[in-house]
PDB file of N, CA and C in Angstrom:
ATOM      1  N   MET A   1     133.061 -80.473 163.692  1.00  0.00           N
ATOM      2  CA  MET A   1     134.288 -81.061 164.181  1.00  0.00           C
ATOM      3  C   MET A   1     133.939 -82.196 165.143  1.00  0.00           C
ATOM      4  N   GLN A   2     134.706 -83.265 165.074  1.00  0.00           N
ATOM      5  CA  GLN A   2     134.468 -84.409 165.943  1.00  0.00           C
ATOM      6  C   GLN A   2     135.476 -84.450 167.082  1.00  0.00           C
ATOM      7  N   ALA A   3     135.017 -84.944 168.225  1.00  0.00           N
ATOM      8  CA  ALA A   3     135.874 -85.141 169.389  1.00  0.00           C
ATOM      9  C   ALA A   3     135.313 -86.324 170.178  1.00  0.00           C
ATOM     10  N   TYR A   4     136.097 -86.825 171.119  1.00  0.00           N
ATOM     11  CA  TYR A   4     135.680 -87.979 171.915  1.00  0.00           C
ATOM     12  C   TYR A   4     134.834 -87.507 173.088  1.00  0.00           C
ATOM     13  N   CYS A   5     133.644 -88.078 173.230  1.00  0.00           N
ATOM     14  CA  CYS A   5     132.754 -87.758 174.346  1.00  0.00           C
ATOM     15  C   CYS A   5     132.997 -88.779 175.458  1.00  0.00           C
ATOM     16  N   MET A   6     133.336 -88.297 176.635  1.00  0.00           N
ATOM     17  CA  MET A   6     133.636 -89.183 177.757  1.00  0.00           C
ATOM     18  C   MET A   6     132.374 -89.875 178.287  1.00  0.00           C
ATOM     19  N   LYS A   7     131.231 -89.236 178.171  1.00  0.00           N
ATOM     20  CA  LYS A   7     129.988 -89.825 178.668  1.00  0.00           C
ATOM     21  C   LYS A   7     129.442 -90.874 177.704  1.00  0.00           C
ATOM     22  N   CYS A   8     129.425 -90.565 176.410  1.00  0.00           N
ATOM     23  CA  CYS A   8     128.937 -91.504 175.392  1.00  0.00           C
ATOM     24  C   CYS A   8     129.972 -92.589 175.085  1.00  0.00           C
ATOM     25  N   ARG A   9     131.227 -92.303 175.379  1.00  0.00           N
ATOM     26  CA  ARG A   9     132.355 -93.190 175.056  1.00  0.00           C
ATOM     27  C   ARG A   9     132.435 -93.491 173.563  1.00  0.00           C
ATOM     28  N   ALA A  10     132.295 -92.424 172.775  1.00  0.00           N
ATOM     29  CA  ALA A  10     132.373 -92.539 171.321  1.00  0.00           C
ATOM     30  C   ALA A  10     132.743 -91.182 170.739  1.00  0.00           C
ATOM     31  N   LYS A  11     133.216 -91.186 169.487  1.00  0.00           N
ATOM     32  CA  LYS A  11     133.473 -89.932 168.794  1.00  0.00           C
ATOM     33  C   LYS A  11     132.146 -89.357 168.346  1.00  0.00           C
ATOM     34  N   ARG A  12     131.916 -88.124 168.707  1.00  0.00           N
ATOM     35  CA  ARG A  12     130.659 -87.448 168.365  1.00  0.00           C
ATOM     36  C   ARG A  12     130.958 -86.082 167.753  1.00  0.00           C
ATOM     37  N   GLU A  13     129.960 -85.552 167.094  1.00  0.00           N
ATOM     38  CA  GLU A  13     130.065 -84.217 166.525  1.00  0.00           C
ATOM     39  C   GLU A  13     129.931 -83.190 167.658  1.00  0.00           C
ATOM     40  N   MET A  14     130.797 -82.179 167.620  1.00  0.00           N
ATOM     41  CA  MET A  14     130.772 -81.131 168.629  1.00  0.00           C
ATOM     42  C   MET A  14     129.964 -79.954 168.109  1.00  0.00           C
ATOM     43  N   LYS A  15     129.116 -79.380 168.953  1.00  0.00           N
ATOM     44  CA  LYS A  15     128.383 -78.173 168.560  1.00  0.00           C
ATOM     45  C   LYS A  15     128.762 -77.043 169.518  1.00  0.00           C
ATOM     46  N   ASP A  16     128.436 -75.826 169.162  1.00  0.00           N
ATOM     47  CA  ASP A  16     128.787 -74.632 169.943  1.00  0.00           C
ATOM     48  C   ASP A  16     130.293 -74.568 170.195  1.00  0.00           C
ATOM     49  N   THR A  17     131.084 -74.777 169.155  1.00  0.00           N
ATOM     50  CA  THR A  17     132.538 -74.813 169.315  1.00  0.00           C
ATOM     51  C   THR A  17     133.103 -73.405 169.493  1.00  0.00           C
ATOM     52  N   ARG A  18     134.131 -73.323 170.324  1.00  0.00           N
ATOM     53  CA  ARG A  18     134.853 -72.076 170.552  1.00  0.00           C
ATOM     54  C   ARG A  18     136.338 -72.373 170.579  1.00  0.00           C
ATOM     55  N   ARG A  19     137.115 -71.556 169.884  1.00  0.00           N
ATOM     56  CA  ARG A  19     138.570 -71.680 169.927  1.00  0.00           C
ATOM     57  C   ARG A  19     139.054 -71.042 171.215  1.00  0.00           C
ATOM     58  N   ILE A  20     139.927 -71.739 171.919  1.00  0.00           N
ATOM     59  CA  ILE A  20     140.500 -71.200 173.137  1.00  0.00           C
ATOM     60  C   ILE A  20     142.009 -71.420 173.119  1.00  0.00           C
ATOM     61  N   THR A  21     142.706 -70.788 174.037  1.00  0.00           N
ATOM     62  CA  THR A  21     144.130 -71.000 174.231  1.00  0.00           C
ATOM     63  C   THR A  21     144.330 -71.471 175.656  1.00  0.00           C
ATOM     64  N   MET A  22     145.016 -72.584 175.810  1.00  0.00           N
ATOM     65  CA  MET A  22     145.256 -73.125 177.145  1.00  0.00           C
ATOM     66  C   MET A  22     146.313 -72.292 177.867  1.00  0.00           C
ATOM     67  N   LYS A  23     146.482 -72.538 179.164  1.00  0.00           N
ATOM     68  CA  LYS A  23     147.436 -71.781 179.967  1.00  0.00           C
ATOM     69  C   LYS A  23     148.856 -71.854 179.419  1.00  0.00           C
ATOM     70  N   ASN A  24     149.220 -72.991 178.831  1.00  0.00           N
ATOM     71  CA  ASN A  24     150.573 -73.147 178.296  1.00  0.00           C
ATOM     72  C   ASN A  24     150.722 -72.580 176.888  1.00  0.00           C
ATOM     73  N   GLY A  25     149.666 -71.965 176.343  1.00  0.00           N
ATOM     74  CA  GLY A  25     149.746 -71.318 175.040  1.00  0.00           C
ATOM     75  C   GLY A  25     149.312 -72.173 173.868  1.00  0.00           C
ATOM     76  N   ARG A  26     149.009 -73.447 174.091  1.00  0.00           N
ATOM     77  CA  ARG A  26     148.582 -74.323 172.998  1.00  0.00           C
ATOM     78  C   ARG A  26     147.125 -74.048 172.627  1.00  0.00           C
ATOM     79  N   PRO A  27     146.798 -74.146 171.340  1.00  0.00           N
ATOM     80  CA  PRO A  27     145.405 -73.937 170.920  1.00  0.00           C
ATOM     81  C   PRO A  27     144.544 -75.158 171.238  1.00  0.00           C
ATOM     82  N   ALA A  28     143.269 -74.934 171.456  1.00  0.00           N
ATOM     83  CA  ALA A  28     142.330 -76.014 171.730  1.00  0.00           C
ATOM     84  C   ALA A  28     140.938 -75.570 171.296  1.00  0.00           C
ATOM     85  N   THR A  29     140.014 -76.517 171.271  1.00  0.00           N
ATOM     86  CA  THR A  29     138.620 -76.242 170.926  1.00  0.00           C
ATOM     87  C   THR A  29     137.733 -76.803 172.009  1.00  0.00           C
ATOM     88  N   ARG A  30     136.769 -76.011 172.437  1.00  0.00           N
ATOM     89  CA  ARG A  30     135.828 -76.429 173.465  1.00  0.00           C
ATOM     90  C   ARG A  30     134.436 -76.421 172.860  1.00  0.00           C
ATOM     91  N   GLY A  31     133.629 -77.418 173.226  1.00  0.00           N
ATOM     92  CA  GLY A  31     132.277 -77.497 172.689  1.00  0.00           C
ATOM     93  C   GLY A  31     131.389 -78.369 173.539  1.00  0.00           C
ATOM     94  N   VAL A  32     130.254 -78.760 172.966  1.00  0.00           N
ATOM     95  CA  VAL A  32     129.254 -79.561 173.659  1.00  0.00           C
ATOM     96  C   VAL A  32     128.880 -80.742 172.774  1.00  0.00           C
ATOM     97  N   CYS A  33     128.693 -81.909 173.381  1.00  0.00           N
ATOM     98  CA  CYS A  33     128.285 -83.098 172.638  1.00  0.00           C
ATOM     99  C   CYS A  33     126.892 -82.885 172.064  1.00  0.00           C
ATOM    100  N   SER A  34     126.713 -83.223 170.799  1.00  0.00           N
ATOM    101  CA  SER A  34     125.425 -83.016 170.137  1.00  0.00           C
ATOM    102  C   SER A  34     124.371 -84.028 170.594  1.00  0.00           C
ATOM    103  N   VAL A  35     124.789 -85.128 171.231  1.00  0.00           N
ATOM    104  CA  VAL A  35     123.842 -86.157 171.663  1.00  0.00           C
ATOM    105  C   VAL A  35     123.436 -85.982 173.128  1.00  0.00           C
ATOM    106  N   CYS A  36     124.441 -85.908 174.034  1.00  0.00           N
ATOM    107  CA  CYS A  36     124.122 -85.901 175.462  1.00  0.00           C
ATOM    108  C   CYS A  36     124.305 -84.547 176.139  1.00  0.00           C
ATOM    109  N   GLY A  37     124.983 -83.601 175.493  1.00  0.00           N
ATOM    110  CA  GLY A  37     125.137 -82.264 176.058  1.00  0.00           C
ATOM    111  C   GLY A  37     126.325 -82.098 176.990  1.00  0.00           C
ATOM    112  N   THR A  38     127.191 -83.099 177.089  1.00  0.00           N
ATOM    113  CA  THR A  38     128.369 -83.025 177.946  1.00  0.00           C
ATOM    114  C   THR A  38     129.419 -82.111 177.303  1.00  0.00           C
ATOM    115  N   LYS A  39     130.200 -81.411 178.139  1.00  0.00           N
ATOM    116  CA  LYS A  39     131.279 -80.570 177.621  1.00  0.00           C
ATOM    117  C   LYS A  39     132.338 -81.456 176.976  1.00  0.00           C
ATOM    118  N   MET A  40     132.866 -80.976 175.834  1.00  0.00           N
ATOM    119  CA  MET A  40     133.907 -81.699 175.113  1.00  0.00           C
ATOM    120  C   MET A  40     135.092 -80.771 174.900  1.00  0.00           C
ATOM    121  N   PHE A  41     136.257 -81.374 174.697  1.00  0.00           N
ATOM    122  CA  PHE A  41     137.491 -80.622 174.596  1.00  0.00           C
ATOM    123  C   PHE A  41     138.424 -81.318 173.630  1.00  0.00           C
ATOM    124  N   LYS A  42     139.022 -80.576 172.717  1.00  0.00           N
ATOM    125  CA  LYS A  42     139.972 -81.164 171.784  1.00  0.00           C
ATOM    126  C   LYS A  42     141.197 -80.258 171.686  1.00  0.00           C
ATOM    127  N   ILE A  43     142.367 -80.843 171.923  1.00  0.00           N
ATOM    128  CA  ILE A  43     143.612 -80.094 171.885  1.00  0.00           C
ATOM    129  C   ILE A  43     144.149 -80.084 170.466  1.00  0.00           C
ATOM    130  N   GLY A  44     144.653 -78.930 170.028  1.00  0.00           N
ATOM    131  CA  GLY A  44     145.241 -78.784 168.707  1.00  0.00           C
ATOM    132  C   GLY A  44     144.494 -77.777 167.869  1.00  0.00           C
ATOM    133  N   LYS A  45     145.106 -77.418 166.735  1.00  0.00           N
ATOM    134  CA  LYS A  45     144.464 -76.458 165.839  1.00  0.00           C
ATOM    135  C   LYS A  45     143.180 -77.011 165.275  1.00  0.00           C
ATOM    136  N   SER A  46     142.236 -76.109 165.039  1.00  0.00           N
ATOM    137  CA  SER A  46     140.948 -76.544 164.496  1.00  0.00           C
ATOM    138  C   SER A  46     140.656 -75.854 163.187  1.00  0.00           C
TER     139      SER A  46
END
């Protein structure tokens, strides 16, 4: 799955993805950038 990396400033592939639910009940995906290792976050179904 791809998401925007704030450190690389580009869309990168996410690794170690986990489905989570935010406080307001919306689904999201959390992971790590495959290039720099920064935490990544994508809102919406995955």
